[in-house]
Amino acid sequence: YALLAAGWLAALVLAVRALRRTRHARAEAVS
């Protein structure tokens, strides 16, 4: 369970980073 929870947490962290990069790219496109 601890291993699976750690994997889920890592995936969420990577998803947040990817989301920030996507929003940054959108903001540059809009500007």
ModelCIF file with pLDDT and N, C-alpha, C, O atoms, coordinates in Angstrom:
data_MODEL
#
_entry.id   MODEL 
#
_entity.id                         1 
_entity.type                       polymer 
_entity.pdbx_number_of_molecules   1 
#
_entity_poly.entity_id                      1 
_entity_poly.type                           'polypeptide(L)' 
_entity_poly.nstd_linkage                   no 
_entity_poly.nstd_monomer                   no 
_entity_poly.pdbx_seq_one_letter_code       YALLAAGWLAALVLAVRALRRTRHARAEAVS 
_entity_poly.pdbx_seq_one_letter_code_can   YALLAAGWLAALVLAVRALRRTRHARAEAVS 
_entity_poly.pdbx_strand_id                 A 
#
loop_
_entity_poly_seq.entity_id 
_entity_poly_seq.num 
_entity_poly_seq.mon_id 
_entity_poly_seq.hetero 
1 1  TYR n 
1 2  ALA n 
1 3  LEU n 
1 4  LEU n 
1 5  ALA n 
1 6  ALA n 
1 7  GLY n 
1 8  TRP n 
1 9  LEU n 
1 10 ALA n 
1 11 ALA n 
1 12 LEU n 
1 13 VAL n 
1 14 LEU n 
1 15 ALA n 
1 16 VAL n 
1 17 ARG n 
1 18 ALA n 
1 19 LEU n 
1 20 ARG n 
1 21 ARG n 
1 22 THR n 
1 23 ARG n 
1 24 HIS n 
1 25 ALA n 
1 26 ARG n 
1 27 ALA n 
1 28 GLU n 
1 29 ALA n 
1 30 VAL n 
1 31 SER n 
#
_struct_asym.id          A 
_struct_asym.entity_id   1 
#
loop_
_ma_qa_metric.id 
_ma_qa_metric.mode 
_ma_qa_metric.name 
_ma_qa_metric.software_group_id 
_ma_qa_metric.type 
1 global pLDDT . pLDDT 
2 local  pLDDT . pLDDT 
#
_ma_qa_metric_global.metric_id      1 
_ma_qa_metric_global.metric_value   85.84 
_ma_qa_metric_global.model_id       1 
_ma_qa_metric_global.ordinal_id     1 
#
loop_
_ma_qa_metric_local.label_asym_id 
_ma_qa_metric_local.label_comp_id 
_ma_qa_metric_local.label_seq_id 
_ma_qa_metric_local.metric_id 
_ma_qa_metric_local.metric_value 
_ma_qa_metric_local.model_id 
_ma_qa_metric_local.ordinal_id 
A TYR 1  2 89.00 1 1  
A ALA 2  2 91.00 1 2  
A LEU 3  2 92.00 1 3  
A LEU 4  2 92.00 1 4  
A ALA 5  2 91.00 1 5  
A ALA 6  2 93.00 1 6  
A GLY 7  2 92.00 1 7  
A TRP 8  2 91.00 1 8  
A LEU 9  2 93.00 1 9  
A ALA 10 2 92.00 1 10 
A ALA 11 2 90.00 1 11 
A LEU 12 2 90.00 1 12 
A VAL 13 2 91.00 1 13 
A LEU 14 2 91.00 1 14 
A ALA 15 2 88.00 1 15 
A VAL 16 2 89.00 1 16 
A ARG 17 2 89.00 1 17 
A ALA 18 2 85.00 1 18 
A LEU 19 2 83.00 1 19 
A ARG 20 2 86.00 1 20 
A ARG 21 2 84.00 1 21 
A THR 22 2 78.00 1 22 
A ARG 23 2 79.00 1 23 
A HIS 24 2 81.00 1 24 
A ALA 25 2 79.00 1 25 
A ARG 26 2 75.00 1 26 
A ALA 27 2 81.00 1 27 
A GLU 28 2 79.00 1 28 
A ALA 29 2 75.00 1 29 
A VAL 30 2 76.00 1 30 
A SER 31 2 76.00 1 31 
#
loop_
_atom_site.group_PDB 
_atom_site.id 
_atom_site.type_symbol 
_atom_site.label_atom_id 
_atom_site.label_alt_id 
_atom_site.label_comp_id 
_atom_site.label_asym_id 
_atom_site.label_entity_id 
_atom_site.label_seq_id 
_atom_site.pdbx_PDB_ins_code 
_atom_site.Cartn_x 
_atom_site.Cartn_y 
_atom_site.Cartn_z 
_atom_site.occupancy 
_atom_site.B_iso_or_equiv 
_atom_site.pdbx_formal_charge 
_atom_site.auth_seq_id 
_atom_site.auth_comp_id 
_atom_site.auth_asym_id 
_atom_site.auth_atom_id 
_atom_site.pdbx_PDB_model_num 
ATOM 1   N N  . TYR A 1 1  ? 0.829  -1.209 0.000   1.00 89.00 ? 1  TYR A N  1 
ATOM 2   C CA . TYR A 1 1  ? 0.000  0.000  0.000   1.00 89.00 ? 1  TYR A CA 1 
ATOM 3   C C  . TYR A 1 1  ? 0.867  1.264  0.000   1.00 89.00 ? 1  TYR A C  1 
ATOM 4   O O  . TYR A 1 1  ? 0.550  2.233  -0.690  1.00 89.00 ? 1  TYR A O  1 
ATOM 5   N N  . ALA A 1 2  ? 1.938  1.255  0.758   1.00 91.00 ? 2  ALA A N  1 
ATOM 6   C CA . ALA A 1 2  ? 2.827  2.423  0.807   1.00 91.00 ? 2  ALA A CA 1 
ATOM 7   C C  . ALA A 1 2  ? 3.476  2.664  -0.549  1.00 91.00 ? 2  ALA A C  1 
ATOM 8   O O  . ALA A 1 2  ? 3.606  3.809  -0.983  1.00 91.00 ? 2  ALA A O  1 
ATOM 9   N N  . LEU A 1 3  ? 3.884  1.592  -1.217  1.00 92.00 ? 3  LEU A N  1 
ATOM 10  C CA . LEU A 1 3  ? 4.492  1.725  -2.536  1.00 92.00 ? 3  LEU A CA 1 
ATOM 11  C C  . LEU A 1 3  ? 3.508  2.285  -3.551  1.00 92.00 ? 3  LEU A C  1 
ATOM 12  O O  . LEU A 1 3  ? 3.858  3.156  -4.347  1.00 92.00 ? 3  LEU A O  1 
ATOM 13  N N  . LEU A 1 4  ? 2.272  1.784  -3.525  1.00 92.00 ? 4  LEU A N  1 
ATOM 14  C CA . LEU A 1 4  ? 1.256  2.269  -4.447  1.00 92.00 ? 4  LEU A CA 1 
ATOM 15  C C  . LEU A 1 4  ? 0.904  3.728  -4.168  1.00 92.00 ? 4  LEU A C  1 
ATOM 16  O O  . LEU A 1 4  ? 0.723  4.517  -5.096  1.00 92.00 ? 4  LEU A O  1 
ATOM 17  N N  . ALA A 1 5  ? 0.809  4.083  -2.885  1.00 91.00 ? 5  ALA A N  1 
ATOM 18  C CA . ALA A 1 5  ? 0.509  5.470  -2.523  1.00 91.00 ? 5  ALA A CA 1 
ATOM 19  C C  . ALA A 1 5  ? 1.623  6.407  -2.968  1.00 91.00 ? 5  ALA A C  1 
ATOM 20  O O  . ALA A 1 5  ? 1.362  7.516  -3.433  1.00 91.00 ? 5  ALA A O  1 
ATOM 21  N N  . ALA A 1 6  ? 2.870  5.956  -2.822  1.00 93.00 ? 6  ALA A N  1 
ATOM 22  C CA . ALA A 1 6  ? 4.005  6.775  -3.273  1.00 93.00 ? 6  ALA A CA 1 
ATOM 23  C C  . ALA A 1 6  ? 3.970  6.966  -4.779  1.00 93.00 ? 6  ALA A C  1 
ATOM 24  O O  . ALA A 1 6  ? 4.259  8.053  -5.280  1.00 93.00 ? 6  ALA A O  1 
ATOM 25  N N  . GLY A 1 7  ? 3.612  5.898  -5.508  1.00 92.00 ? 7  GLY A N  1 
ATOM 26  C CA . GLY A 1 7  ? 3.499  6.026  -6.956  1.00 92.00 ? 7  GLY A CA 1 
ATOM 27  C C  . GLY A 1 7  ? 2.404  6.981  -7.364  1.00 92.00 ? 7  GLY A C  1 
ATOM 28  O O  . GLY A 1 7  ? 2.569  7.747  -8.313  1.00 92.00 ? 7  GLY A O  1 
ATOM 29  N N  . TRP A 1 8  ? 1.272  6.946  -6.651  1.00 91.00 ? 8  TRP A N  1 
ATOM 30  C CA . TRP A 1 8  ? 0.173  7.864  -6.946  1.00 91.00 ? 8  TRP A CA 1 
ATOM 31  C C  . TRP A 1 8  ? 0.591  9.304  -6.671  1.00 91.00 ? 8  TRP A C  1 
ATOM 32  O O  . TRP A 1 8  ? 0.304  10.204 -7.459  1.00 91.00 ? 8  TRP A O  1 
ATOM 33  N N  . LEU A 1 9  ? 1.277  9.514  -5.538  1.00 93.00 ? 9  LEU A N  1 
ATOM 34  C CA . LEU A 1 9  ? 1.739  10.859 -5.205  1.00 93.00 ? 9  LEU A CA 1 
ATOM 35  C C  . LEU A 1 9  ? 2.715  11.377 -6.258  1.00 93.00 ? 9  LEU A C  1 
ATOM 36  O O  . LEU A 1 9  ? 2.646  12.541 -6.654  1.00 93.00 ? 9  LEU A O  1 
ATOM 37  N N  . ALA A 1 10 ? 3.625  10.514 -6.712  1.00 92.00 ? 10 ALA A N  1 
ATOM 38  C CA . ALA A 1 10 ? 4.581  10.924 -7.751  1.00 92.00 ? 10 ALA A CA 1 
ATOM 39  C C  . ALA A 1 10 ? 3.860  11.293 -9.041  1.00 92.00 ? 10 ALA A C  1 
ATOM 40  O O  . ALA A 1 10 ? 4.223  12.265 -9.704  1.00 92.00 ? 10 ALA A O  1 
ATOM 41  N N  . ALA A 1 11 ? 2.833  10.513 -9.400  1.00 90.00 ? 11 ALA A N  1 
ATOM 42  C CA . ALA A 1 11 ? 2.071  10.815 -10.611 1.00 90.00 ? 11 ALA A CA 1 
ATOM 43  C C  . ALA A 1 11 ? 1.347  12.144 -10.497 1.00 90.00 ? 11 ALA A C  1 
ATOM 44  O O  . ALA A 1 11 ? 1.284  12.904 -11.464 1.00 90.00 ? 11 ALA A O  1 
ATOM 45  N N  . LEU A 1 12 ? 0.795  12.434 -9.309  1.00 90.00 ? 12 LEU A N  1 
ATOM 46  C CA . LEU A 1 12 ? 0.112  13.715 -9.111  1.00 90.00 ? 12 LEU A CA 1 
ATOM 47  C C  . LEU A 1 12 ? 1.087  14.884 -9.209  1.00 90.00 ? 12 LEU A C  1 
ATOM 48  O O  . LEU A 1 12 ? 0.761  15.921 -9.787  1.00 90.00 ? 12 LEU A O  1 
ATOM 49  N N  . VAL A 1 13 ? 2.283  14.719 -8.645  1.00 91.00 ? 13 VAL A N  1 
ATOM 50  C CA . VAL A 1 13 ? 3.298  15.784 -8.725  1.00 91.00 ? 13 VAL A CA 1 
ATOM 51  C C  . VAL A 1 13 ? 3.682  16.033 -10.175 1.00 91.00 ? 13 VAL A C  1 
ATOM 52  O O  . VAL A 1 13 ? 3.779  17.182 -10.606 1.00 91.00 ? 13 VAL A O  1 
ATOM 53  N N  . LEU A 1 14 ? 3.900  14.967 -10.925 1.00 91.00 ? 14 LEU A N  1 
ATOM 54  C CA . LEU A 1 14 ? 4.245  15.109 -12.342 1.00 91.00 ? 14 LEU A CA 1 
ATOM 55  C C  . LEU A 1 14 ? 3.092  15.729 -13.125 1.00 91.00 ? 14 LEU A C  1 
ATOM 56  O O  . LEU A 1 14 ? 3.315  16.510 -14.051 1.00 91.00 ? 14 LEU A O  1 
ATOM 57  N N  . ALA A 1 15 ? 1.862  15.382 -12.756 1.00 88.00 ? 15 ALA A N  1 
ATOM 58  C CA . ALA A 1 15 ? 0.697  15.956 -13.445 1.00 88.00 ? 15 ALA A CA 1 
ATOM 59  C C  . ALA A 1 15 ? 0.601  17.453 -13.190 1.00 88.00 ? 15 ALA A C  1 
ATOM 60  O O  . ALA A 1 15 ? 0.283  18.221 -14.097 1.00 88.00 ? 15 ALA A O  1 
ATOM 61  N N  . VAL A 1 16 ? 0.874  17.870 -11.955 1.00 89.00 ? 16 VAL A N  1 
ATOM 62  C CA . VAL A 1 16 ? 0.846  19.303 -11.632 1.00 89.00 ? 16 VAL A CA 1 
ATOM 63  C C  . VAL A 1 16 ? 1.907  20.046 -12.430 1.00 89.00 ? 16 VAL A C  1 
ATOM 64  O O  . VAL A 1 16 ? 1.645  21.125 -12.961 1.00 89.00 ? 16 VAL A O  1 
ATOM 65  N N  . ARG A 1 17 ? 3.091  19.478 -12.517 1.00 89.00 ? 17 ARG A N  1 
ATOM 66  C CA . ARG A 1 17 ? 4.163  20.116 -13.290 1.00 89.00 ? 17 ARG A CA 1 
ATOM 67  C C  . ARG A 1 17 ? 3.787  20.215 -14.763 1.00 89.00 ? 17 ARG A C  1 
ATOM 68  O O  . ARG A 1 17 ? 4.002  21.249 -15.394 1.00 89.00 ? 17 ARG A O  1 
ATOM 69  N N  . ALA A 1 18 ? 3.226  19.143 -15.308 1.00 85.00 ? 18 ALA A N  1 
ATOM 70  C CA . ALA A 1 18 ? 2.820  19.163 -16.710 1.00 85.00 ? 18 ALA A CA 1 
ATOM 71  C C  . ALA A 1 18 ? 1.718  20.186 -16.938 1.00 85.00 ? 18 ALA A C  1 
ATOM 72  O O  . ALA A 1 18 ? 1.705  20.872 -17.960 1.00 85.00 ? 18 ALA A O  1 
ATOM 73  N N  . LEU A 1 19 ? 0.787  20.290 -15.983 1.00 83.00 ? 19 LEU A N  1 
ATOM 74  C CA . LEU A 1 19 ? -0.292 21.269 -16.102 1.00 83.00 ? 19 LEU A CA 1 
ATOM 75  C C  . LEU A 1 19 ? 0.256  22.691 -16.087 1.00 83.00 ? 19 LEU A C  1 
ATOM 76  O O  . LEU A 1 19 ? -0.207 23.540 -16.848 1.00 83.00 ? 19 LEU A O  1 
ATOM 77  N N  . ARG A 1 20 ? 1.234  22.956 -15.233 1.00 86.00 ? 20 ARG A N  1 
ATOM 78  C CA . ARG A 1 20 ? 1.832  24.296 -15.182 1.00 86.00 ? 20 ARG A CA 1 
ATOM 79  C C  . ARG A 1 20 ? 2.533  24.630 -16.492 1.00 86.00 ? 20 ARG A C  1 
ATOM 80  O O  . ARG A 1 20 ? 2.436  25.754 -16.985 1.00 86.00 ? 20 ARG A O  1 
ATOM 81  N N  . ARG A 1 21 ? 3.244  23.649 -17.059 1.00 84.00 ? 21 ARG A N  1 
ATOM 82  C CA . ARG A 1 21 ? 3.910  23.899 -18.340 1.00 84.00 ? 21 ARG A CA 1 
ATOM 83  C C  . ARG A 1 21 ? 2.895  24.177 -19.440 1.00 84.00 ? 21 ARG A C  1 
ATOM 84  O O  . ARG A 1 21 ? 3.114  25.043 -20.288 1.00 84.00 ? 21 ARG A O  1 
ATOM 85  N N  . THR A 1 22 ? 1.782  23.442 -19.427 1.00 78.00 ? 22 THR A N  1 
ATOM 86  C CA . THR A 1 22 ? 0.749  23.651 -20.441 1.00 78.00 ? 22 THR A CA 1 
ATOM 87  C C  . THR A 1 22 ? 0.126  25.030 -20.309 1.00 78.00 ? 22 THR A C  1 
ATOM 88  O O  . THR A 1 22 ? -0.089 25.716 -21.308 1.00 78.00 ? 22 THR A O  1 
ATOM 89  N N  . ARG A 1 23 ? -0.169 25.441 -19.072 1.00 79.00 ? 23 ARG A N  1 
ATOM 90  C CA . ARG A 1 23 ? -0.767 26.762 -18.875 1.00 79.00 ? 23 ARG A CA 1 
ATOM 91  C C  . ARG A 1 23 ? 0.205  27.865 -19.233 1.00 79.00 ? 23 ARG A C  1 
ATOM 92  O O  . ARG A 1 23 ? -0.203 28.904 -19.752 1.00 79.00 ? 23 ARG A O  1 
ATOM 93  N N  . HIS A 1 24 ? 1.478  27.660 -18.966 1.00 81.00 ? 24 HIS A N  1 
ATOM 94  C CA . HIS A 1 24 ? 2.483  28.661 -19.331 1.00 81.00 ? 24 HIS A CA 1 
ATOM 95  C C  . HIS A 1 24 ? 2.556  28.809 -20.845 1.00 81.00 ? 24 HIS A C  1 
ATOM 96  O O  . HIS A 1 24 ? 2.664  29.920 -21.364 1.00 81.00 ? 24 HIS A O  1 
ATOM 97  N N  . ALA A 1 25 ? 2.496  27.675 -21.554 1.00 79.00 ? 25 ALA A N  1 
ATOM 98  C CA . ALA A 1 25 ? 2.527  27.723 -23.021 1.00 79.00 ? 25 ALA A CA 1 
ATOM 99  C C  . ALA A 1 25 ? 1.287  28.428 -23.567 1.00 79.00 ? 25 ALA A C  1 
ATOM 100 O O  . ALA A 1 25 ? 1.375  29.178 -24.540 1.00 79.00 ? 25 ALA A O  1 
ATOM 101 N N  . ARG A 1 26 ? 0.130  28.188 -22.943 1.00 75.00 ? 26 ARG A N  1 
ATOM 102 C CA . ARG A 1 26 ? -1.106 28.858 -23.381 1.00 75.00 ? 26 ARG A CA 1 
ATOM 103 C C  . ARG A 1 26 ? -1.014 30.362 -23.160 1.00 75.00 ? 26 ARG A C  1 
ATOM 104 O O  . ARG A 1 26 ? -1.405 31.152 -24.019 1.00 75.00 ? 26 ARG A O  1 
ATOM 105 N N  . ALA A 1 27 ? -0.490 30.750 -21.994 1.00 81.00 ? 27 ALA A N  1 
ATOM 106 C CA . ALA A 1 27 ? -0.373 32.177 -21.702 1.00 81.00 ? 27 ALA A CA 1 
ATOM 107 C C  . ALA A 1 27 ? 0.540  32.872 -22.708 1.00 81.00 ? 27 ALA A C  1 
ATOM 108 O O  . ALA A 1 27 ? 0.254  33.990 -23.138 1.00 81.00 ? 27 ALA A O  1 
ATOM 109 N N  . GLU A 1 28 ? 1.631  32.218 -23.083 1.00 79.00 ? 28 GLU A N  1 
ATOM 110 C CA . GLU A 1 28 ? 2.527  32.790 -24.085 1.00 79.00 ? 28 GLU A CA 1 
ATOM 111 C C  . GLU A 1 28 ? 1.834  32.908 -25.430 1.00 79.00 ? 28 GLU A C  1 
ATOM 112 O O  . GLU A 1 28 ? 2.024  33.888 -26.150 1.00 79.00 ? 28 GLU A O  1 
ATOM 113 N N  . ALA A 1 29 ? 1.013  31.889 -25.775 1.00 75.00 ? 29 ALA A N  1 
ATOM 114 C CA . ALA A 1 29 ? 0.303  31.932 -27.055 1.00 75.00 ? 29 ALA A CA 1 
ATOM 115 C C  . ALA A 1 29 ? -0.716 33.065 -27.078 1.00 75.00 ? 29 ALA A C  1 
ATOM 116 O O  . ALA A 1 29 ? -0.872 33.749 -28.089 1.00 75.00 ? 29 ALA A O  1 
ATOM 117 N N  . VAL A 1 30 ? -1.411 33.260 -25.953 1.00 76.00 ? 30 VAL A N  1 
ATOM 118 C CA . VAL A 1 30 ? -2.407 34.330 -25.876 1.00 76.00 ? 30 VAL A CA 1 
ATOM 119 C C  . VAL A 1 30 ? -1.742 35.698 -25.953 1.00 76.00 ? 30 VAL A C  1 
ATOM 120 O O  . VAL A 1 30 ? -2.231 36.590 -26.647 1.00 76.00 ? 30 VAL A O  1 
ATOM 121 N N  . SER A 1 31 ? -0.622 35.870 -25.237 1.00 76.00 ? 31 SER A N  1 
ATOM 122 C CA . SER A 1 31 ? 0.061  37.162 -25.239 1.00 76.00 ? 31 SER A CA 1 
ATOM 123 C C  . SER A 1 31 ? 0.681  37.468 -26.596 1.00 76.00 ? 31 SER A C  1 
ATOM 124 O O  . SER A 1 31 ? 1.296  38.520 -26.771 1.00 76.00 ? 31 SER A O  1 
#
